[in-house]
Each structure stands twice: as structure tokens, then as C-alpha cells.
Amino acid sequence: MGGLCYTQLTDVEQEVNGLYTYDRRPKFDVEIFREILSQPAAIEHADEADD
């Protein structure tokens, strides 16, 4: 089981922890998240190790 919880995607009035700026521009290359989150979970390969 895996998951990701990020509660603030964009910056707002007083917060600056978002993944996007106040005007919705990415703060970094969004492909990094896409590559990480599209990888299969380790449990999906567990059956292959038993073969």
C-alpha cells in the first residue's frame, strides 16, 4: 500500500509551501513528481521474486 498526501498544492495569501506559486506557476519541474508517482509499488513485484 502506498500513498501521498499533500494538503496545499498552491500558495495562498500567507502560505508558501505549495507546489505552485500564488498565480499557479510550477515552482519546479513537475515531471519529477510524475516519474516518481508513476513507478509501480514494490509489492507489485513481490510475486516475480517468488518465481
Protein backbone atom coordinates (compact mmCIF):
# COMPACT_ATOMS: atom_id res chain seq x y z
CA MET A 1 0.00 0.00 0.00
CA GLY A 2 1.31 3.43 -0.81
CA GLY A 3 0.06 6.92 -0.78
CA LEU A 4 0.81 10.59 -0.90
CA CYS A 5 -0.86 13.39 0.96
CA TYR A 6 0.00 16.96 0.15
CA THR A 7 -2.61 19.32 1.52
CA GLN A 8 -1.54 22.55 -0.10
CA LEU A 9 -0.97 22.44 -3.84
CA THR A 10 -0.77 26.18 -4.40
CA ASP A 11 0.46 29.12 -2.39
CA VAL A 12 -2.27 31.29 -0.90
CA GLU A 13 -2.35 34.59 0.98
CA GLN A 14 0.02 33.70 3.85
CA GLU A 15 1.26 30.24 2.91
CA VAL A 16 4.31 29.49 0.75
CA ASN A 17 4.55 25.68 1.00
CA GLY A 18 2.61 24.93 -2.18
CA LEU A 19 3.87 23.13 -5.25
CA TYR A 20 2.68 26.07 -7.37
CA THR A 21 3.02 29.82 -6.88
CA TYR A 22 0.10 32.06 -5.98
CA ASP A 23 -0.59 32.62 -9.68
CA ARG A 24 -0.40 28.85 -10.37
CA ARG A 25 3.06 28.65 -11.94
CA PRO A 26 5.01 25.49 -11.02
CA LYS A 27 7.90 26.05 -8.62
CA PHE A 28 9.92 23.21 -10.16
CA ASP A 29 9.87 20.66 -12.96
CA VAL A 30 6.58 18.78 -12.49
CA GLU A 31 7.97 15.80 -14.42
CA ILE A 32 9.89 14.85 -11.28
CA PHE A 33 6.63 14.06 -9.46
CA ARG A 34 5.19 12.30 -12.50
CA GLU A 35 8.20 9.99 -12.73
CA ILE A 36 8.18 9.18 -9.02
CA LEU A 37 4.43 8.66 -8.68
CA SER A 38 4.07 6.56 -11.83
CA GLN A 39 6.52 3.89 -10.64
CA PRO A 40 4.95 0.58 -9.61
CA ALA A 41 4.86 -0.16 -5.90
CA ALA A 42 7.39 -2.68 -4.55
CA ILE A 43 4.55 -5.09 -3.68
CA GLU A 44 3.66 -5.30 -7.37
CA HIS A 45 7.00 -7.02 -7.98
CA ALA A 46 6.85 -9.35 -4.96
CA ASP A 47 5.28 -12.21 -6.93
CA GLU A 48 8.05 -12.07 -9.53
CA ALA A 49 10.72 -12.65 -6.83
CA ASP A 50 8.96 -15.88 -5.77
CA ASP A 51 9.13 -17.41 -9.26
